[in-house]
Amino acid sequence: MKQFLLLAFLIVSVLALAGDKDKEQYSDVKIKVVKEESGKPVRNATVVLHPVTKGKQERGGLNLKTNGEGETSYSGVPYGTLRLQVIAQGLQTYGDDFDINQPQHEFVVKMKPPQKQYSIYEQPGAKPLSIDPDKPEKKK
């Protein structure tokens, strides 16, 4: 009888462990968004999480907002590749892919100021065009 119970226990244990391999694993992700220049938190930034499969971003995604400390989090991110995008007013948009492979991940995103835009219409040495809304343009 003891051998039968031991054998039954072993079979149930092996089956339970085999079943766990098929279950999808999830991670808790914490993100802190700061300004690169000062290290100050960026509040109300939009953080977008997209799963990536075979190099392609999946449809949908999850939009989060940072709090007053520049932090946000989400529990239940599936293991695999995650595309993290951060959008904040007055700062350059950030985006990168990360491999989610542990129960917990913490990311610190350092946001850069916007880059000067290049224009093919600018001429070297030319004075910048300034338009004063209070003065009407003179007609020639």
C-alpha atoms as a PDB file:
ATOM      1  CA  MET A   1       0.000   0.000   0.000  1.00  0.00           C
ATOM      2  CA  LYS A   2       2.845   2.410   0.866  1.00  0.00           C
ATOM      3  CA  GLN A   3       4.497   1.715  -2.479  1.00  0.00           C
ATOM      4  CA  PHE A   4       1.253   2.426  -4.311  1.00  0.00           C
ATOM      5  CA  LEU A   5       0.802   5.769  -2.509  1.00  0.00           C
ATOM      6  CA  LEU A   6       4.429   6.700  -3.167  1.00  0.00           C
ATOM      7  CA  LEU A   7       4.086   5.820  -6.853  1.00  0.00           C
ATOM      8  CA  ALA A   8       0.824   7.799  -7.114  1.00  0.00           C
ATOM      9  CA  PHE A   9       2.466  10.797  -5.424  1.00  0.00           C
ATOM     10  CA  LEU A  10       5.418  10.664  -7.859  1.00  0.00           C
ATOM     11  CA  ILE A  11       3.137  10.463 -10.896  1.00  0.00           C
ATOM     12  CA  VAL A  12       1.020  13.398  -9.693  1.00  0.00           C
ATOM     13  CA  SER A  13       4.170  15.448  -8.966  1.00  0.00           C
ATOM     14  CA  VAL A  14       5.660  14.793 -12.411  1.00  0.00           C
ATOM     15  CA  LEU A  15       2.384  15.680 -14.121  1.00  0.00           C
ATOM     16  CA  ALA A  16       2.081  18.885 -12.081  1.00  0.00           C
ATOM     17  CA  LEU A  17       5.619  19.943 -12.992  1.00  0.00           C
ATOM     18  CA  ALA A  18       5.055  19.150 -16.667  1.00  0.00           C
ATOM     19  CA  GLY A  19       1.895  21.258 -16.627  1.00  0.00           C
ATOM     20  CA  ASP A  20       3.781  24.264 -15.199  1.00  0.00           C
ATOM     21  CA  LYS A  21       6.100  24.336 -18.234  1.00  0.00           C
ATOM     22  CA  ASP A  22       3.139  25.039 -20.504  1.00  0.00           C
ATOM     23  CA  LYS A  23       1.916  27.948 -18.389  1.00  0.00           C
ATOM     24  CA  GLU A  24       2.929  31.391 -19.576  1.00  0.00           C
ATOM     25  CA  GLN A  25       5.151  33.273 -17.136  1.00  0.00           C
ATOM     26  CA  TYR A  26       4.580  36.888 -16.171  1.00  0.00           C
ATOM     27  CA  SER A  27       6.705  39.698 -14.774  1.00  0.00           C
ATOM     28  CA  ASP A  28       6.099  42.787 -12.654  1.00  0.00           C
ATOM     29  CA  VAL A  29       7.560  45.819 -14.433  1.00  0.00           C
ATOM     30  CA  LYS A  30       8.426  49.123 -12.727  1.00  0.00           C
ATOM     31  CA  ILE A  31       9.431  52.159 -14.788  1.00  0.00           C
ATOM     32  CA  LYS A  32      10.885  55.452 -13.584  1.00  0.00           C
ATOM     33  CA  VAL A  33      11.126  58.347 -16.048  1.00  0.00           C
ATOM     34  CA  VAL A  34      13.599  61.171 -15.342  1.00  0.00           C
ATOM     35  CA  LYS A  35      15.135  64.089 -17.228  1.00  0.00           C
ATOM     36  CA  GLU A  36      18.649  63.210 -18.398  1.00  0.00           C
ATOM     37  CA  GLU A  37      20.046  66.686 -17.645  1.00  0.00           C
ATOM     38  CA  SER A  38      18.787  67.088 -14.086  1.00  0.00           C
ATOM     39  CA  GLY A  39      17.617  63.660 -12.943  1.00  0.00           C
ATOM     40  CA  LYS A  40      14.258  65.172 -11.963  1.00  0.00           C
ATOM     41  CA  PRO A  41      11.195  62.961 -12.374  1.00  0.00           C
ATOM     42  CA  VAL A  42       8.961  63.452 -15.411  1.00  0.00           C
ATOM     43  CA  ARG A  43       5.356  63.409 -14.285  1.00  0.00           C
ATOM     44  CA  ASN A  44       2.399  62.611 -16.520  1.00  0.00           C
ATOM     45  CA  ALA A  45       4.570  60.973 -19.203  1.00  0.00           C
ATOM     46  CA  THR A  46       2.865  58.358 -21.363  1.00  0.00           C
ATOM     47  CA  VAL A  47       4.500  54.923 -21.124  1.00  0.00           C
ATOM     48  CA  VAL A  48       3.458  52.461 -23.847  1.00  0.00           C
ATOM     49  CA  LEU A  49       4.157  48.714 -23.487  1.00  0.00           C
ATOM     50  CA  HIS A  50       3.964  46.545 -26.621  1.00  0.00           C
ATOM     51  CA  PRO A  51       4.738  42.809 -26.810  1.00  0.00           C
ATOM     52  CA  VAL A  52       7.008  41.972 -29.778  1.00  0.00           C
ATOM     53  CA  THR A  53       6.797  38.584 -31.514  1.00  0.00           C
ATOM     54  CA  LYS A  54       9.241  37.533 -34.243  1.00  0.00           C
ATOM     55  CA  GLY A  55      10.511  41.102 -34.550  1.00  0.00           C
ATOM     56  CA  LYS A  56       7.043  42.568 -35.101  1.00  0.00           C
ATOM     57  CA  GLN A  57       5.120  44.694 -32.662  1.00  0.00           C
ATOM     58  CA  GLU A  58       1.795  43.118 -31.741  1.00  0.00           C
ATOM     59  CA  ARG A  59      -1.433  45.074 -32.042  1.00  0.00           C
ATOM     60  CA  GLY A  60      -2.841  46.810 -29.036  1.00  0.00           C
ATOM     61  CA  GLY A  61      -0.463  47.506 -26.223  1.00  0.00           C
ATOM     62  CA  LEU A  62      -0.889  49.136 -22.863  1.00  0.00           C
ATOM     63  CA  ASN A  63      -0.779  52.874 -22.096  1.00  0.00           C
ATOM     64  CA  LEU A  64       0.310  53.975 -18.618  1.00  0.00           C
ATOM     65  CA  LYS A  65       0.938  57.412 -17.070  1.00  0.00           C
ATOM     66  CA  THR A  66       3.712  58.324 -14.654  1.00  0.00           C
ATOM     67  CA  ASN A  67       2.833  59.762 -11.250  1.00  0.00           C
ATOM     68  CA  GLY A  68       4.349  62.841  -9.574  1.00  0.00           C
ATOM     69  CA  GLU A  69       7.543  60.884  -8.871  1.00  0.00           C
ATOM     70  CA  GLY A  70       7.891  59.861 -12.531  1.00  0.00           C
ATOM     71  CA  GLU A  71       6.996  56.236 -11.727  1.00  0.00           C
ATOM     72  CA  THR A  72       4.533  53.725 -13.097  1.00  0.00           C
ATOM     73  CA  SER A  73       4.221  49.944 -12.907  1.00  0.00           C
ATOM     74  CA  TYR A  74       2.318  47.008 -14.301  1.00  0.00           C
ATOM     75  CA  SER A  75       1.979  43.436 -13.080  1.00  0.00           C
ATOM     76  CA  GLY A  76       1.381  40.689 -15.601  1.00  0.00           C
ATOM     77  CA  VAL A  77       3.768  41.442 -18.472  1.00  0.00           C
ATOM     78  CA  PRO A  78       4.352  38.143 -20.315  1.00  0.00           C
ATOM     79  CA  TYR A  79       7.908  36.855 -20.719  1.00  0.00           C
ATOM     80  CA  GLY A  80       9.444  37.663 -24.094  1.00  0.00           C
ATOM     81  CA  THR A  81      10.393  40.825 -25.935  1.00  0.00           C
ATOM     82  CA  LEU A  82       8.766  44.054 -24.749  1.00  0.00           C
ATOM     83  CA  ARG A  83       8.865  47.351 -26.641  1.00  0.00           C
ATOM     84  CA  LEU A  84       8.922  50.256 -24.198  1.00  0.00           C
ATOM     85  CA  GLN A  85       8.053  53.732 -25.499  1.00  0.00           C
ATOM     86  CA  VAL A  86       7.906  56.928 -23.449  1.00  0.00           C
ATOM     87  CA  ILE A  87       6.343  60.172 -24.661  1.00  0.00           C
ATOM     88  CA  ALA A  88       6.531  63.390 -22.636  1.00  0.00           C
ATOM     89  CA  GLN A  89       5.768  66.968 -23.594  1.00  0.00           C
ATOM     90  CA  GLY A  90       8.884  69.012 -24.328  1.00  0.00           C
ATOM     91  CA  LEU A  91      11.193  65.971 -24.407  1.00  0.00           C
ATOM     92  CA  GLN A  92      12.500  63.632 -27.111  1.00  0.00           C
ATOM     93  CA  THR A  93      10.439  60.431 -27.471  1.00  0.00           C
ATOM     94  CA  TYR A  94      12.185  57.310 -26.134  1.00  0.00           C
ATOM     95  CA  GLY A  95      11.832  53.756 -27.433  1.00  0.00           C
ATOM     96  CA  ASP A  96      13.699  50.471 -27.007  1.00  0.00           C
ATOM     97  CA  ASP A  97      13.122  46.699 -26.877  1.00  0.00           C
ATOM     98  CA  PHE A  98      13.839  44.646 -23.748  1.00  0.00           C
ATOM     99  CA  ASP A  99      13.908  40.919 -22.987  1.00  0.00           C
ATOM    100  CA  ILE A 100      11.525  40.151 -20.125  1.00  0.00           C
ATOM    101  CA  ASN A 101      12.809  36.954 -18.511  1.00  0.00           C
ATOM    102  CA  GLN A 102      12.568  37.387 -14.713  1.00  0.00           C
ATOM    103  CA  PRO A 103       9.706  37.821 -12.230  1.00  0.00           C
ATOM    104  CA  GLN A 104      10.582  41.509 -11.675  1.00  0.00           C
ATOM    105  CA  HIS A 105      12.137  44.195 -13.881  1.00  0.00           C
ATOM    106  CA  GLU A 106      12.929  47.827 -13.110  1.00  0.00           C
ATOM    107  CA  PHE A 107      13.743  50.378 -15.801  1.00  0.00           C
ATOM    108  CA  VAL A 108      15.013  53.943 -15.480  1.00  0.00           C
ATOM    109  CA  VAL A 109      14.361  55.940 -18.641  1.00  0.00           C
ATOM    110  CA  LYS A 110      16.432  59.116 -19.051  1.00  0.00           C
ATOM    111  CA  MET A 111      14.594  61.525 -21.321  1.00  0.00           C
ATOM    112  CA  LYS A 112      16.642  63.881 -23.509  1.00  0.00           C
ATOM    113  CA  PRO A 113      15.692  67.392 -24.577  1.00  0.00           C
ATOM    114  CA  PRO A 114      14.394  67.647 -28.145  1.00  0.00           C
ATOM    115  CA  GLN A 115      16.994  67.741 -30.910  1.00  0.00           C
ATOM    116  CA  LYS A 116      17.313  70.695 -33.259  1.00  0.00           C
ATOM    117  CA  GLN A 117      15.425  69.901 -36.408  1.00  0.00           C
ATOM    118  CA  TYR A 118      17.195  69.997 -39.729  1.00  0.00           C
ATOM    119  CA  SER A 119      15.643  71.866 -42.629  1.00  0.00           C
ATOM    120  CA  ILE A 120      16.753  71.864 -46.236  1.00  0.00           C
ATOM    121  CA  TYR A 121      15.384  75.409 -46.479  1.00  0.00           C
ATOM    122  CA  GLU A 122      17.832  76.959 -44.017  1.00  0.00           C
ATOM    123  CA  GLN A 123      20.726  78.789 -45.604  1.00  0.00           C
ATOM    124  CA  PRO A 124      24.069  79.076 -43.807  1.00  0.00           C
ATOM    125  CA  GLY A 125      24.625  82.598 -42.481  1.00  0.00           C
ATOM    126  CA  ALA A 126      21.038  83.720 -43.127  1.00  0.00           C
ATOM    127  CA  LYS A 127      19.146  85.580 -40.409  1.00  0.00           C
ATOM    128  CA  PRO A 128      16.358  83.518 -38.873  1.00  0.00           C
ATOM    129  CA  LEU A 129      12.895  84.582 -39.931  1.00  0.00           C
ATOM    130  CA  SER A 130      10.925  86.009 -37.049  1.00  0.00           C
ATOM    131  CA  ILE A 131       7.287  86.831 -37.222  1.00  0.00           C
ATOM    132  CA  ASP A 132       5.818  89.206 -34.668  1.00  0.00           C
ATOM    133  CA  PRO A 133       2.082  88.574 -34.360  1.00  0.00           C
ATOM    134  CA  ASP A 134       1.519  92.187 -33.161  1.00  0.00           C
ATOM    135  CA  LYS A 135       3.028  93.759 -36.300  1.00  0.00           C
ATOM    136  CA  PRO A 136       1.376  93.273 -39.672  1.00  0.00           C
ATOM    137  CA  GLU A 137       3.670  92.293 -42.530  1.00  0.00           C
ATOM    138  CA  LYS A 138       4.678  95.068 -44.884  1.00  0.00           C
ATOM    139  CA  LYS A 139       3.625  94.523 -48.462  1.00  0.00           C
ATOM    140  CA  LYS A 140       6.145  95.312 -51.165  1.00  0.00           C
END
